C-alpha atoms as a PDB file:
ATOM      1  CA  MET A   1     -98.050 -42.317 142.737  1.00  0.00           C
ATOM      2  CA  LEU A   2     -96.626 -38.891 141.432  1.00  0.00           C
ATOM      3  CA  TYR A   3     -93.714 -36.582 143.403  1.00  0.00           C
ATOM      4  CA  LYS A   4     -92.796 -33.139 142.390  1.00  0.00           C
ATOM      5  CA  ILE A   5     -89.565 -31.717 142.954  1.00  0.00           C
ATOM      6  CA  GLN A   6     -88.682 -27.768 141.555  1.00  0.00           C
ATOM      7  CA  ASN A   7     -86.221 -25.400 142.016  1.00  0.00           C
ATOM      8  CA  GLU A   8     -86.151 -21.904 140.339  1.00  0.00           C
ATOM      9  CA  PHE A   9     -85.787 -22.745 137.094  1.00  0.00           C
ATOM     10  CA  ILE A  10     -86.987 -26.207 136.552  1.00  0.00           C
ATOM     11  CA  LYS A  11     -89.995 -28.784 137.589  1.00  0.00           C
ATOM     12  CA  LEU A  12     -89.943 -32.095 137.805  1.00  0.00           C
ATOM     13  CA  THR A  13     -92.593 -34.944 138.075  1.00  0.00           C
ATOM     14  CA  VAL A  14     -91.476 -38.456 138.930  1.00  0.00           C
ATOM     15  CA  ASN A  15     -93.747 -41.452 138.213  1.00  0.00           C
ATOM     16  CA  SER A  16     -93.480 -43.881 141.309  1.00  0.00           C
ATOM     17  CA  LYS A  17     -93.822 -46.599 138.754  1.00  0.00           C
ATOM     18  CA  GLY A  18     -90.680 -47.463 137.464  1.00  0.00           C
ATOM     19  CA  ALA A  19     -89.101 -44.219 139.014  1.00  0.00           C
ATOM     20  CA  GLU A  20     -89.408 -42.699 135.647  1.00  0.00           C
ATOM     21  CA  LYS A  21     -89.402 -39.463 135.030  1.00  0.00           C
ATOM     22  CA  THR A  22     -92.372 -38.004 133.514  1.00  0.00           C
ATOM     23  CA  SER A  23     -92.394 -34.144 132.962  1.00  0.00           C
ATOM     24  CA  LEU A  24     -89.384 -31.341 133.302  1.00  0.00           C
ATOM     25  CA  ILE A  25     -90.712 -28.168 132.650  1.00  0.00           C
ATOM     26  CA  PHE A  26     -88.772 -25.024 131.686  1.00  0.00           C
ATOM     27  CA  ASN A  27     -89.939 -21.576 131.168  1.00  0.00           C
ATOM     28  CA  ASN A  28     -93.004 -23.352 130.464  1.00  0.00           C
ATOM     29  CA  LYS A  29     -91.901 -25.550 128.020  1.00  0.00           C
ATOM     30  CA  GLU A  30     -92.590 -29.141 128.415  1.00  0.00           C
ATOM     31  CA  TYR A  31     -88.909 -30.880 127.678  1.00  0.00           C
ATOM     32  CA  LEU A  32     -89.831 -34.832 128.015  1.00  0.00           C
ATOM     33  CA  HIS A  33     -91.807 -36.240 125.625  1.00  0.00           C
ATOM     34  CA  GLN A  34     -95.772 -37.684 126.299  1.00  0.00           C
ATOM     35  CA  PRO A  35     -96.904 -41.075 125.670  1.00  0.00           C
ATOM     36  CA  ASP A  36     -98.803 -40.935 122.276  1.00  0.00           C
ATOM     37  CA  GLU A  37     -99.447 -42.942 119.605  1.00  0.00           C
ATOM     38  CA  TYR A  38     -95.731 -43.233 119.203  1.00  0.00           C
ATOM     39  CA  TRP A  39     -94.626 -44.503 121.965  1.00  0.00           C
ATOM     40  CA  ASN A  40     -96.304 -44.600 125.174  1.00  0.00           C
ATOM     41  CA  ARG A  41     -93.211 -44.204 127.666  1.00  0.00           C
ATOM     42  CA  THR A  42     -91.347 -41.050 128.736  1.00  0.00           C
ATOM     43  CA  ALA A  43     -87.846 -42.370 130.054  1.00  0.00           C
ATOM     44  CA  PRO A  44     -87.787 -45.567 131.651  1.00  0.00           C
ATOM     45  CA  PHE A  45     -84.741 -47.793 133.053  1.00  0.00           C
ATOM     46  CA  LEU A  46     -83.682 -51.025 131.355  1.00  0.00           C
ATOM     47  CA  PHE A  47     -82.532 -53.471 133.696  1.00  0.00           C
ATOM     48  CA  PRO A  48     -81.399 -56.023 134.160  1.00  0.00           C
ATOM     49  CA  ASN A  49     -81.433 -56.708 130.273  1.00  0.00           C
ATOM     50  CA  VAL A  50     -80.884 -53.600 127.521  1.00  0.00           C
ATOM     51  CA  GLY A  51     -82.668 -54.068 124.252  1.00  0.00           C
ATOM     52  CA  ARG A  52     -84.281 -57.873 123.712  1.00  0.00           C
ATOM     53  CA  LEU A  53     -82.612 -61.252 124.068  1.00  0.00           C
ATOM     54  CA  LYS A  54     -82.976 -64.124 121.612  1.00  0.00           C
ATOM     55  CA  ASP A  55     -86.173 -65.559 121.624  1.00  0.00           C
ATOM     56  CA  ASN A  56     -86.509 -63.638 124.675  1.00  0.00           C
ATOM     57  CA  LYS A  57     -84.678 -66.273 126.682  1.00  0.00           C
ATOM     58  CA  THR A  58     -81.360 -66.443 128.729  1.00  0.00           C
ATOM     59  CA  MET A  59     -79.662 -68.831 130.261  1.00  0.00           C
ATOM     60  CA  ILE A  60     -78.300 -68.013 133.994  1.00  0.00           C
ATOM     61  CA  ASN A  61     -76.295 -70.570 136.606  1.00  0.00           C
ATOM     62  CA  GLY A  62     -77.578 -72.979 134.315  1.00  0.00           C
ATOM     63  CA  MET A  63     -81.323 -72.646 134.580  1.00  0.00           C
ATOM     64  CA  ASN A  64     -83.493 -70.711 131.509  1.00  0.00           C
ATOM     65  CA  TYR A  65     -85.195 -67.208 132.648  1.00  0.00           C
ATOM     66  CA  GLU A  66     -87.273 -65.256 130.383  1.00  0.00           C
ATOM     67  CA  LEU A  67     -87.238 -61.640 130.197  1.00  0.00           C
ATOM     68  CA  PRO A  68     -88.754 -59.027 128.177  1.00  0.00           C
ATOM     69  CA  GLN A  69     -87.251 -56.354 125.513  1.00  0.00           C
ATOM     70  CA  HIS A  70     -85.346 -54.104 128.164  1.00  0.00           C
ATOM     71  CA  GLY A  71     -85.834 -56.117 131.514  1.00  0.00           C
ATOM     72  CA  PHE A  72     -88.754 -55.652 134.045  1.00  0.00           C
ATOM     73  CA  LEU A  73     -87.551 -52.525 135.680  1.00  0.00           C
ATOM     74  CA  ARG A  74     -89.255 -50.165 133.837  1.00  0.00           C
ATOM     75  CA  ASP A  75     -92.546 -51.754 134.855  1.00  0.00           C
ATOM     76  CA  GLN A  76     -91.785 -52.529 138.724  1.00  0.00           C
ATOM     77  CA  GLU A  77     -93.608 -50.159 141.638  1.00  0.00           C
ATOM     78  CA  PHE A  78     -90.946 -48.088 143.396  1.00  0.00           C
ATOM     79  CA  GLU A  79     -91.096 -46.666 146.932  1.00  0.00           C
ATOM     80  CA  LEU A  80     -90.432 -43.160 148.406  1.00  0.00           C
ATOM     81  CA  PHE A  81     -86.740 -43.649 149.885  1.00  0.00           C
ATOM     82  CA  HIS A  82     -86.135 -39.928 150.171  1.00  0.00           C
ATOM     83  CA  SER A  83     -87.392 -36.547 149.306  1.00  0.00           C
ATOM     84  CA  SER A  84     -86.249 -32.209 149.603  1.00  0.00           C
ATOM     85  CA  ASP A  85     -87.207 -29.492 147.935  1.00  0.00           C
ATOM     86  CA  ASN A  86     -84.451 -30.065 144.835  1.00  0.00           C
ATOM     87  CA  GLU A  87     -83.700 -34.239 145.261  1.00  0.00           C
ATOM     88  CA  LEU A  88     -85.822 -37.068 145.290  1.00  0.00           C
ATOM     89  CA  SER A  89     -84.977 -41.063 145.700  1.00  0.00           C
ATOM     90  CA  LEU A  90     -86.742 -43.922 144.812  1.00  0.00           C
ATOM     91  CA  LEU A  91     -86.318 -47.151 146.065  1.00  0.00           C
ATOM     92  CA  ASN A  92     -87.076 -50.698 144.325  1.00  0.00           C
ATOM     93  CA  VAL A  93     -86.530 -54.409 145.769  1.00  0.00           C
ATOM     94  CA  TYR A  94     -85.980 -57.646 144.066  1.00  0.00           C
ATOM     95  CA  ASN A  95     -89.685 -59.863 144.919  1.00  0.00           C
ATOM     96  CA  ASP A  96     -91.112 -63.263 144.515  1.00  0.00           C
ATOM     97  CA  ASP A  97     -92.108 -62.227 140.768  1.00  0.00           C
ATOM     98  CA  THR A  98     -88.558 -60.813 139.757  1.00  0.00           C
ATOM     99  CA  LEU A  99     -86.794 -63.826 141.222  1.00  0.00           C
ATOM    100  CA  LYS A 100     -89.187 -65.997 138.653  1.00  0.00           C
ATOM    101  CA  LYS A 101     -87.602 -63.631 135.800  1.00  0.00           C
ATOM    102  CA  TYR A 102     -83.796 -62.826 136.858  1.00  0.00           C
ATOM    103  CA  PRO A 103     -82.331 -64.841 140.032  1.00  0.00           C
ATOM    104  CA  TYR A 104     -80.526 -62.553 141.572  1.00  0.00           C
ATOM    105  CA  LYS A 105     -81.463 -60.405 144.798  1.00  0.00           C
ATOM    106  CA  TYR A 106     -80.858 -56.409 143.639  1.00  0.00           C
ATOM    107  CA  LYS A 107     -81.800 -53.250 145.850  1.00  0.00           C
ATOM    108  CA  VAL A 108     -81.932 -50.084 143.240  1.00  0.00           C
ATOM    109  CA  ILE A 109     -81.985 -46.613 144.157  1.00  0.00           C
ATOM    110  CA  ILE A 110     -82.951 -44.036 141.458  1.00  0.00           C
ATOM    111  CA  THR A 111     -82.032 -40.177 142.641  1.00  0.00           C
ATOM    112  CA  TYR A 112     -83.042 -37.146 140.873  1.00  0.00           C
ATOM    113  CA  SER A 113     -81.122 -33.648 141.926  1.00  0.00           C
ATOM    114  CA  LEU A 114     -82.197 -30.429 141.159  1.00  0.00           C
ATOM    115  CA  LYS A 115     -79.134 -27.553 140.603  1.00  0.00           C
ATOM    116  CA  LYS A 116     -80.095 -24.723 138.090  1.00  0.00           C
ATOM    117  CA  LYS A 117     -80.981 -25.917 134.844  1.00  0.00           C
ATOM    118  CA  ASN A 118     -79.923 -29.386 135.315  1.00  0.00           C
ATOM    119  CA  LEU A 119     -81.233 -32.586 136.250  1.00  0.00           C
ATOM    120  CA  ARG A 120     -78.789 -35.218 137.580  1.00  0.00           C
ATOM    121  CA  THR A 121     -79.938 -38.650 137.080  1.00  0.00           C
ATOM    122  CA  SER A 122     -78.574 -41.235 139.555  1.00  0.00           C
ATOM    123  CA  ILE A 123     -78.424 -44.955 139.467  1.00  0.00           C
ATOM    124  CA  LEU A 124     -77.418 -47.355 142.807  1.00  0.00           C
ATOM    125  CA  ILE A 125     -77.289 -51.392 142.184  1.00  0.00           C
ATOM    126  CA  THR A 126     -77.009 -53.180 145.111  1.00  0.00           C
ATOM    127  CA  ASN A 127     -75.958 -56.928 145.002  1.00  0.00           C
ATOM    128  CA  GLU A 128     -78.152 -58.336 148.181  1.00  0.00           C
ATOM    129  CA  ASP A 129     -77.057 -61.790 146.965  1.00  0.00           C
ATOM    130  CA  MET A 130     -74.414 -64.218 148.175  1.00  0.00           C
ATOM    131  CA  LEU A 131     -73.633 -64.801 144.526  1.00  0.00           C
ATOM    132  CA  ASP A 132     -72.079 -62.732 141.984  1.00  0.00           C
ATOM    133  CA  MET A 133     -74.449 -60.988 139.832  1.00  0.00           C
ATOM    134  CA  HIS A 134     -74.674 -59.673 136.580  1.00  0.00           C
ATOM    135  CA  PHE A 135     -76.544 -57.538 134.695  1.00  0.00           C
ATOM    136  CA  ASN A 136     -76.795 -54.448 131.473  1.00  0.00           C
ATOM    137  CA  PHE A 137     -78.250 -51.109 132.757  1.00  0.00           C
ATOM    138  CA  GLY A 138     -79.405 -48.294 130.593  1.00  0.00           C
ATOM    139  CA  GLY A 139     -81.590 -44.972 130.399  1.00  0.00           C
ATOM    140  CA  HIS A 140     -84.181 -44.266 127.566  1.00  0.00           C
ATOM    141  CA  PRO A 141     -85.330 -40.833 128.403  1.00  0.00           C
ATOM    142  CA  GLY A 142     -86.894 -39.437 125.451  1.00  0.00           C
ATOM    143  CA  TYR A 143     -87.102 -35.312 124.786  1.00  0.00           C
ATOM    144  CA  ASN A 144     -89.735 -33.105 122.567  1.00  0.00           C
ATOM    145  CA  VAL A 145     -88.427 -32.398 119.019  1.00  0.00           C
ATOM    146  CA  PRO A 146     -89.325 -29.584 118.572  1.00  0.00           C
ATOM    147  CA  ILE A 147     -89.432 -27.758 121.774  1.00  0.00           C
ATOM    148  CA  TYR A 148     -90.715 -24.817 120.408  1.00  0.00           C
ATOM    149  CA  GLU A 149     -94.101 -23.856 118.389  1.00  0.00           C
ATOM    150  CA  GLU A 150     -93.718 -23.184 114.504  1.00  0.00           C
ATOM    151  CA  GLU A 151     -90.438 -25.573 114.394  1.00  0.00           C
ATOM    152  CA  LYS A 152     -90.165 -29.174 112.489  1.00  0.00           C
ATOM    153  CA  PHE A 153     -88.484 -32.083 113.369  1.00  0.00           C
ATOM    154  CA  GLU A 154     -85.468 -31.564 110.971  1.00  0.00           C
ATOM    155  CA  ASP A 155     -84.854 -28.136 112.766  1.00  0.00           C
ATOM    156  CA  TYR A 156     -82.735 -29.818 115.359  1.00  0.00           C
ATOM    157  CA  LYS A 157     -79.586 -31.766 115.262  1.00  0.00           C
ATOM    158  CA  ILE A 158     -77.390 -33.915 117.545  1.00  0.00           C
ATOM    159  CA  VAL A 159     -73.683 -31.986 118.516  1.00  0.00           C
ATOM    160  CA  PHE A 160     -71.608 -34.219 119.734  1.00  0.00           C
ATOM    161  CA  GLU A 161     -68.529 -33.585 122.451  1.00  0.00           C
ATOM    162  CA  LYS A 162     -65.848 -35.971 120.131  1.00  0.00           C
ATOM    163  CA  LYS A 163     -65.714 -36.405 116.364  1.00  0.00           C
ATOM    164  CA  GLU A 164     -67.232 -39.918 116.171  1.00  0.00           C
ATOM    165  CA  THR A 165     -66.216 -42.776 113.757  1.00  0.00           C
ATOM    166  CA  PHE A 166     -68.301 -46.430 113.747  1.00  0.00           C
ATOM    167  CA  ASN A 167     -70.141 -48.881 111.750  1.00  0.00           C
ATOM    168  CA  ALA A 168     -73.813 -48.914 113.655  1.00  0.00           C
ATOM    169  CA  PRO A 169     -74.866 -52.517 113.837  1.00  0.00           C
ATOM    170  CA  LEU A 170     -78.429 -53.347 111.863  1.00  0.00           C
ATOM    171  CA  VAL A 171     -81.318 -54.028 114.287  1.00  0.00           C
ATOM    172  CA  THR A 172     -83.118 -57.219 112.669  1.00  0.00           C
ATOM    173  CA  GLY A 173     -86.392 -57.741 112.302  1.00  0.00           C
ATOM    174  CA  ASP A 174     -86.482 -59.897 115.800  1.00  0.00           C
ATOM    175  CA  GLY A 175     -84.453 -56.813 117.521  1.00  0.00           C
ATOM    176  CA  LEU A 176     -81.194 -58.579 117.710  1.00  0.00           C
ATOM    177  CA  LEU A 177     -77.890 -56.473 116.527  1.00  0.00           C
ATOM    178  CA  ASP A 178     -76.266 -57.789 113.193  1.00  0.00           C
ATOM    179  CA  PHE A 179     -72.711 -56.741 113.428  1.00  0.00           C
ATOM    180  CA  THR A 180     -71.308 -58.003 110.270  1.00  0.00           C
ATOM    181  CA  ASN A 181     -74.537 -56.268 108.645  1.00  0.00           C
ATOM    182  CA  LYS A 182     -73.866 -52.609 109.267  1.00  0.00           C
ATOM    183  CA  LYS A 183     -76.824 -50.295 109.061  1.00  0.00           C
ATOM    184  CA  ASP A 184     -75.007 -47.111 108.322  1.00  0.00           C
ATOM    185  CA  LYS A 185     -71.293 -46.372 108.655  1.00  0.00           C
ATOM    186  CA  TYR A 186     -70.044 -42.659 109.592  1.00  0.00           C
ATOM    187  CA  LYS A 187     -66.722 -41.152 110.159  1.00  0.00           C
ATOM    188  CA  ASN A 188     -64.897 -38.471 111.609  1.00  0.00           C
ATOM    189  CA  ILE A 189     -69.180 -37.254 112.364  1.00  0.00           C
ATOM    190  CA  ASP A 190     -69.187 -34.171 114.804  1.00  0.00           C
ATOM    191  CA  GLU A 191     -73.148 -34.056 114.384  1.00  0.00           C
ATOM    192  CA  ILE A 192     -76.166 -35.589 112.989  1.00  0.00           C
ATOM    193  CA  ILE A 193     -78.687 -33.938 111.625  1.00  0.00           C
ATOM    194  CA  LEU A 194     -82.085 -35.089 112.728  1.00  0.00           C
ATOM    195  CA  ASP A 195     -83.610 -36.578 109.684  1.00  0.00           C
ATOM    196  CA  TYR A 196     -86.703 -39.629 109.969  1.00  0.00           C
ATOM    197  CA  LYS A 197     -84.810 -41.958 107.447  1.00  0.00           C
ATOM    198  CA  TYR A 198     -81.800 -42.508 109.685  1.00  0.00           C
ATOM    199  CA  PHE A 199     -85.137 -44.231 112.355  1.00  0.00           C
ATOM    200  CA  GLU A 200     -86.744 -46.160 109.631  1.00  0.00           C
ATOM    201  CA  THR A 201     -85.167 -49.451 110.909  1.00  0.00           C
ATOM    202  CA  ASP A 202     -85.110 -48.619 114.811  1.00  0.00           C
ATOM    203  CA  ALA A 203     -82.380 -47.265 116.442  1.00  0.00           C
ATOM    204  CA  ILE A 204     -78.929 -45.830 115.738  1.00  0.00           C
ATOM    205  CA  VAL A 205     -76.295 -47.390 118.226  1.00  0.00           C
ATOM    206  CA  ILE A 206     -73.236 -46.427 118.314  1.00  0.00           C
ATOM    207  CA  PRO A 207     -71.590 -49.483 120.026  1.00  0.00           C
ATOM    208  CA  ARG A 208     -68.433 -47.206 121.693  1.00  0.00           C
ATOM    209  CA  VAL A 209     -68.897 -43.973 121.539  1.00  0.00           C
ATOM    210  CA  LYS A 210     -66.104 -41.811 122.679  1.00  0.00           C
ATOM    211  CA  SER A 211     -68.096 -38.830 123.561  1.00  0.00           C
ATOM    212  CA  SER A 212     -69.389 -38.630 127.028  1.00  0.00           C
ATOM    213  CA  LYS A 213     -72.101 -35.673 126.138  1.00  0.00           C
ATOM    214  CA  VAL A 214     -73.871 -34.831 123.235  1.00  0.00           C
ATOM    215  CA  LYS A 215     -76.205 -31.287 122.685  1.00  0.00           C
ATOM    216  CA  LEU A 216     -79.872 -31.767 121.401  1.00  0.00           C
ATOM    217  CA  ILE A 217     -80.246 -27.987 119.883  1.00  0.00           C
ATOM    218  CA  ASN A 218     -82.258 -26.138 117.597  1.00  0.00           C
ATOM    219  CA  LYS A 219     -81.166 -23.502 114.901  1.00  0.00           C
ATOM    220  CA  GLU A 220     -81.082 -20.861 117.580  1.00  0.00           C
ATOM    221  CA  ASN A 221     -78.676 -23.437 119.770  1.00  0.00           C
ATOM    222  CA  LYS A 222     -81.411 -23.642 122.118  1.00  0.00           C
ATOM    223  CA  GLY A 223     -82.260 -27.179 123.770  1.00  0.00           C
ATOM    224  CA  LEU A 224     -80.803 -29.058 125.759  1.00  0.00           C
ATOM    225  CA  GLU A 225     -77.172 -30.673 126.546  1.00  0.00           C
ATOM    226  CA  PHE A 226     -77.243 -34.653 127.778  1.00  0.00           C
ATOM    227  CA  SER A 227     -73.991 -35.686 129.585  1.00  0.00           C
ATOM    228  CA  PHE A 228     -73.318 -39.603 130.418  1.00  0.00           C
ATOM    229  CA  PRO A 229     -69.839 -40.246 131.541  1.00  0.00           C
ATOM    230  CA  ASN A 230     -69.051 -43.919 132.193  1.00  0.00           C
ATOM    231  CA  PHE A 231     -71.716 -45.512 129.803  1.00  0.00           C
ATOM    232  CA  ILE A 232     -70.345 -47.675 127.032  1.00  0.00           C
ATOM    233  CA  THR A 233     -73.134 -47.067 124.357  1.00  0.00           C
ATOM    234  CA  LEU A 234     -75.236 -44.611 123.083  1.00  0.00           C
ATOM    235  CA  ALA A 235     -78.625 -45.179 121.323  1.00  0.00           C
ATOM    236  CA  ILE A 236     -80.601 -42.182 119.223  1.00  0.00           C
ATOM    237  CA  TRP A 237     -83.834 -43.557 118.561  1.00  0.00           C
ATOM    238  CA  THR A 238     -87.048 -42.004 117.585  1.00  0.00           C
ATOM    239  CA  ARG A 239     -90.101 -43.711 115.027  1.00  0.00           C
ATOM    240  CA  PRO A 240     -91.362 -41.965 111.748  1.00  0.00           C
ATOM    241  CA  ASN A 241     -93.246 -39.036 112.609  1.00  0.00           C
ATOM    242  CA  GLY A 242     -92.655 -38.923 116.149  1.00  0.00           C
ATOM    243  CA  LYS A 243     -92.072 -35.445 117.696  1.00  0.00           C
ATOM    244  CA  TYR A 244     -89.454 -36.586 120.176  1.00  0.00           C
ATOM    245  CA  ILE A 245     -85.736 -38.023 120.106  1.00  0.00           C
ATOM    246  CA  CYS A 246     -84.455 -40.676 122.669  1.00  0.00           C
ATOM    247  CA  LEU A 247     -80.735 -40.573 123.619  1.00  0.00           C
ATOM    248  CA  GLU A 248     -79.933 -43.394 125.179  1.00  0.00           C
ATOM    249  CA  PRO A 249     -76.935 -44.246 127.481  1.00  0.00           C
ATOM    250  CA  TRP A 250     -76.319 -48.014 127.796  1.00  0.00           C
ATOM    251  CA  ILE A 251     -73.703 -50.259 129.399  1.00  0.00           C
ATOM    252  CA  GLY A 252     -74.320 -53.395 127.333  1.00  0.00           C
ATOM    253  CA  TYR A 253     -77.385 -53.819 124.500  1.00  0.00           C
ATOM    254  CA  ALA A 254     -79.620 -56.314 122.538  1.00  0.00           C
ATOM    255  CA  ASP A 255     -77.856 -60.276 122.055  1.00  0.00           C
ATOM    256  CA  ARG A 256     -76.333 -60.601 118.729  1.00  0.00           C
ATOM    257  CA  HIS A 257     -78.476 -62.095 116.131  1.00  0.00           C
ATOM    258  CA  ASP A 258     -75.707 -65.558 116.717  1.00  0.00           C
ATOM    259  CA  SER A 259     -75.967 -65.047 120.338  1.00  0.00           C
ATOM    260  CA  ASN A 260     -75.058 -68.370 122.798  1.00  0.00           C
ATOM    261  CA  GLN A 261     -78.121 -66.931 125.311  1.00  0.00           C
ATOM    262  CA  HIS A 262     -75.826 -67.198 128.478  1.00  0.00           C
ATOM    263  CA  PHE A 263     -76.709 -64.265 130.326  1.00  0.00           C
ATOM    264  CA  LYS A 264     -72.995 -63.882 131.362  1.00  0.00           C
ATOM    265  CA  ASP A 265     -71.460 -63.959 127.999  1.00  0.00           C
ATOM    266  CA  LYS A 266     -73.724 -60.703 126.887  1.00  0.00           C
ATOM    267  CA  ASP A 267     -71.551 -57.857 125.723  1.00  0.00           C
ATOM    268  CA  ASN A 268     -70.201 -55.289 128.358  1.00  0.00           C
ATOM    269  CA  ILE A 269     -72.015 -57.143 131.014  1.00  0.00           C
ATOM    270  CA  VAL A 270     -71.710 -55.877 134.701  1.00  0.00           C
ATOM    271  CA  VAL A 271     -70.298 -58.607 137.457  1.00  0.00           C
ATOM    272  CA  LEU A 272     -71.187 -57.447 140.830  1.00  0.00           C
ATOM    273  CA  LYS A 273     -70.000 -59.583 144.122  1.00  0.00           C
ATOM    274  CA  PRO A 274     -72.014 -60.203 146.752  1.00  0.00           C
ATOM    275  CA  LEU A 275     -72.796 -56.346 148.757  1.00  0.00           C
ATOM    276  CA  GLU A 276     -70.963 -54.467 145.581  1.00  0.00           C
ATOM    277  CA  GLU A 277     -72.917 -51.543 144.863  1.00  0.00           C
ATOM    278  CA  PHE A 278     -72.294 -50.350 140.823  1.00  0.00           C
ATOM    279  CA  SER A 279     -73.466 -46.495 140.759  1.00  0.00           C
ATOM    280  CA  ILE A 280     -73.499 -44.131 137.504  1.00  0.00           C
ATOM    281  CA  TYR A 281     -74.994 -41.026 136.344  1.00  0.00           C
ATOM    282  CA  TYR A 282     -76.552 -39.005 133.427  1.00  0.00           C
ATOM    283  CA  ASP A 283     -77.187 -35.143 133.084  1.00  0.00           C
ATOM    284  CA  THR A 284     -79.776 -32.959 131.580  1.00  0.00           C
ATOM    285  CA  THR A 285     -79.281 -29.115 131.267  1.00  0.00           C
ATOM    286  CA  ILE A 286     -80.834 -27.211 129.240  1.00  0.00           C
ATOM    287  CA  LEU A 287     -79.728 -24.580 126.787  1.00  0.00           C
ATOM    288  CA  ASP A 288     -81.808 -21.579 126.653  1.00  0.00           C
END
C-alpha cells in the first residue's frame, strides 16, 4: 500500500513494504531514484545487518543463521501506526519468519516528518525480547543525479561538512570488506566530484566519517543537503551509468573478509537490553 503526505513545499510517497519512501517531489521535480535496470530499489532500510555476511551466515547465541545482504527489514510489510497531514509512522514487529533468520523479538517504527523543505526520517527500534539484542542498522536512500534536464552525472559533487581523511576498504567480489587492501586513499578532502570511475568496484565506504552532513549539489549549488548525526559510517554508491547516487548512513557494515562469523563481534554492533529503545534519524533538505 502507498501512503502520501505533503506540505506547501514537498510531497512524499511511502510504500508499506519496507516502509520505503518511493517519491520525494519538490517544484514538480522528482528527487528520489525510481527503480530501473541499474537498481530496483529507492530507499531501503538495512536491518539487522548492513551489507553482506561472510557466506551469508552468522552465529547468534550458539546457533547458525542465514541472513541476506542488508538483512530482511526492507522486504517486511509495515502497518500504519500514525498519520497526519505532514507526518507518517509505520510499524513492523517480529514474526515467525523473522525469528527463523534472526532470533530476537524486535519492534521497528519508521516516522517521516515534513517541515518546509525538510524531510526527517526517524527510526525507533525496541528490544521486545528478554535477551540482549544485537544488530546493525543503516539507511540507503538513492537520489536522482542529475535532477534537472540537460545536466549530466559529472555536473554534481558531494561536499563534506568537515575535511575527511580515510582509506576506503576494498569491497571484495563476494561483498565483504578488506581493510588491509585499500580501495582508495583520501586525504583532507572537502568534496568529491562525481565520476563513475569511483564506483567500478562498488561503494566508497568512509568507516569513521567526521562530517554529520553533506551536500549533493550541481554547478549552481542546487540539489540537497543530507544530515546524518550519530551515524558512524557513510557509504556513497551507484552503478556505472546509473542516474542516481546513494548516500548511506550506517552503524556497522559488511563483514570483514576474515570475519569469525559471530554476530556479536561485528564492527559497531548495537546492543539493546530487554525493553530498551534505540532511536536515530537522518534529514533530507532541498536546496533550490
